């Protein structure tokens, strides 16, 4: 069985403040590097890893994402569409803890692929979620 990519972080901010960082278009662009984000179920936005293309608003080669669930202030889920392959799914859940918010991200849907086909991709995404995106979310939520 192909394992999900799971990452967690604790944020020293109330859950409502973290939710704002997850759902406000200006704040989302600061931590996730996306184009066209709007906090509405069914809305499609793009993750553009190429900085120059992102700065130009160009979605060529970008990852198309569709918001599946917005459950304020608990959960944001979206599809993750690599070009020319079936979608995977990102689920971010917020839980209040003493002194802040526990954020748990699960990137799933890998069981539709062969483990060897996705090993490098899942490893890269695991690193990106854990070492880049979630720390950036934490910085945005804690910094206002």
Protein backbone atom coordinates (compact mmCIF):
# COMPACT_ATOMS: atom_id res chain seq x y z
CA UNK A 1 0.00 0.00 0.00
CA UNK A 2 1.25 3.47 -0.92
CA UNK A 3 1.50 5.71 2.13
CA UNK A 4 -0.07 9.14 2.40
CA UNK A 5 2.16 12.16 2.84
CA UNK A 6 1.47 13.47 6.36
CA UNK A 7 2.89 16.55 8.05
CA UNK A 8 2.01 18.36 11.27
CA UNK A 9 2.95 21.63 12.90
CA UNK A 10 1.88 23.63 15.93
CA UNK A 11 1.11 27.31 15.47
CA UNK A 12 1.16 29.81 18.33
CA UNK A 13 -2.05 31.50 17.16
CA UNK A 14 -5.76 30.88 17.72
CA UNK A 15 -7.48 28.49 15.31
CA UNK A 16 -9.53 31.34 13.79
CA UNK A 17 -6.32 33.22 12.95
CA UNK A 18 -4.81 30.10 11.33
CA UNK A 19 -8.05 29.64 9.41
CA UNK A 20 -7.70 33.17 8.03
CA UNK A 21 -4.20 32.29 6.81
CA UNK A 22 -5.68 29.17 5.14
CA UNK A 23 -8.65 30.86 3.48
CA UNK A 24 -7.87 34.54 2.79
CA UNK A 25 -6.54 34.87 -0.79
CA UNK A 26 -3.84 37.41 0.08
CA UNK A 27 -2.56 35.31 2.98
CA UNK A 28 -2.71 32.02 1.06
CA UNK A 29 -0.56 33.45 -1.72
CA UNK A 30 2.09 34.35 0.89
CA UNK A 31 2.53 30.80 2.20
CA UNK A 32 1.45 28.51 -0.64
CA UNK A 33 2.60 30.36 -3.75
CA UNK A 34 -0.62 29.96 -5.66
CA UNK A 35 -2.49 31.88 -8.31
CA UNK A 36 -6.20 32.66 -8.31
CA UNK A 37 -7.07 31.30 -4.86
CA UNK A 38 -10.58 32.07 -3.65
CA UNK A 39 -12.03 30.48 -0.54
CA UNK A 40 -15.09 28.93 -2.17
CA UNK A 41 -15.99 25.26 -2.56
CA UNK A 42 -15.58 24.20 -6.19
CA UNK A 43 -13.20 27.04 -7.05
CA UNK A 44 -10.08 26.12 -9.08
CA UNK A 45 -6.73 27.70 -8.27
CA UNK A 46 -3.18 26.96 -9.41
CA UNK A 47 0.06 26.14 -7.61
CA UNK A 48 2.85 27.52 -9.74
CA UNK A 49 6.28 26.29 -8.58
CA UNK A 50 8.10 28.44 -11.15
CA UNK A 51 8.64 31.85 -9.47
CA UNK A 52 8.95 33.81 -12.73
CA UNK A 53 5.75 32.31 -14.13
CA UNK A 54 3.99 32.88 -10.80
CA UNK A 55 5.09 36.54 -10.79
CA UNK A 56 3.74 36.90 -14.34
CA UNK A 57 0.43 35.18 -13.45
CA UNK A 58 1.22 32.38 -15.91
CA UNK A 59 -0.40 29.01 -15.08
CA UNK A 60 1.50 27.04 -17.76
CA UNK A 61 2.78 23.84 -16.14
CA UNK A 62 1.05 24.69 -12.85
CA UNK A 63 -0.78 22.24 -10.59
CA UNK A 64 -4.54 22.71 -10.86
CA UNK A 65 -6.33 22.47 -7.52
CA UNK A 66 -10.06 22.49 -6.80
CA UNK A 67 -11.43 23.32 -3.36
CA UNK A 68 -13.45 20.34 -2.18
CA UNK A 69 -14.23 21.20 1.47
CA UNK A 70 -14.26 24.48 3.39
CA UNK A 71 -15.38 23.85 6.96
CA UNK A 72 -14.59 27.01 8.90
CA UNK A 73 -12.48 26.98 11.08
CA UNK A 74 -11.69 23.26 11.03
CA UNK A 75 -10.86 21.95 7.58
CA UNK A 76 -9.71 22.86 4.08
CA UNK A 77 -9.46 20.14 1.44
CA UNK A 78 -8.54 20.44 -2.21
CA UNK A 79 -7.70 18.24 -5.17
CA UNK A 80 -4.16 18.34 -6.52
CA UNK A 81 -3.95 17.83 -10.26
CA UNK A 82 -0.54 17.14 -11.70
CA UNK A 83 -0.72 17.60 -15.48
CA UNK A 84 -1.84 14.42 -17.28
CA UNK A 85 -2.26 12.20 -14.17
CA UNK A 86 -5.21 11.46 -11.86
CA UNK A 87 -5.82 13.86 -8.97
CA UNK A 88 -4.53 13.40 -5.46
CA UNK A 89 -6.00 15.22 -2.45
CA UNK A 90 -4.74 17.56 0.25
CA UNK A 91 -6.66 17.73 3.54
CA UNK A 92 -5.67 20.32 6.17
CA UNK A 93 -7.29 20.12 9.59
CA UNK A 94 -7.04 22.57 12.46
CA UNK A 95 -7.46 21.61 16.11
CA UNK A 96 -7.28 23.95 19.08
CA UNK A 97 -4.55 23.14 21.59
CA UNK A 98 -3.33 25.03 24.65
CA UNK A 99 -1.45 28.07 23.37
CA UNK A 100 -2.48 27.74 19.74
CA UNK A 101 -3.47 25.43 16.93
CA UNK A 102 -2.38 21.97 15.78
CA UNK A 103 -2.28 21.76 11.97
CA UNK A 104 -2.37 18.32 10.33
CA UNK A 105 -1.92 18.00 6.57
CA UNK A 106 -2.50 14.73 4.72
CA UNK A 107 -1.79 14.45 0.99
CA UNK A 108 -3.58 11.28 -0.12
CA UNK A 109 -4.71 9.42 -3.22
CA UNK A 110 -1.38 7.78 -3.93
CA UNK A 111 -2.82 4.25 -3.77
CA UNK A 112 -4.02 4.66 -7.37
CA UNK A 113 -0.36 4.63 -8.48
CA UNK A 114 2.44 2.10 -8.23
CA UNK A 115 4.59 2.77 -5.16
CA UNK A 116 7.78 3.02 -7.21
CA UNK A 117 6.15 5.50 -9.63
CA UNK A 118 5.42 7.97 -6.85
CA UNK A 119 8.25 7.44 -4.38
CA UNK A 120 10.30 10.46 -5.50
CA UNK A 121 7.23 12.68 -5.92
CA UNK A 122 5.85 11.80 -2.48
CA UNK A 123 9.27 12.32 -0.91
CA UNK A 124 9.61 15.74 -2.53
CA UNK A 125 6.11 16.74 -1.53
CA UNK A 126 6.64 15.49 2.00
CA UNK A 127 9.69 17.70 2.27
CA UNK A 128 7.90 20.67 0.66
CA UNK A 129 4.87 20.43 2.95
CA UNK A 130 6.94 19.83 6.11
CA UNK A 131 9.94 22.11 5.54
CA UNK A 132 8.51 24.88 3.36
CA UNK A 133 4.71 25.28 3.19
CA UNK A 134 3.65 24.55 6.78
CA UNK A 135 6.45 26.68 8.30
CA UNK A 136 5.38 29.48 5.93
CA UNK A 137 1.75 29.03 7.04
CA UNK A 138 2.95 29.23 10.65
CA UNK A 139 4.87 32.46 9.92
CA UNK A 140 1.86 34.07 8.22
CA UNK A 141 -0.57 33.02 10.99
CA UNK A 142 1.73 34.06 13.81
CA UNK A 143 2.85 37.27 12.17
CA UNK A 144 -0.54 38.56 11.13
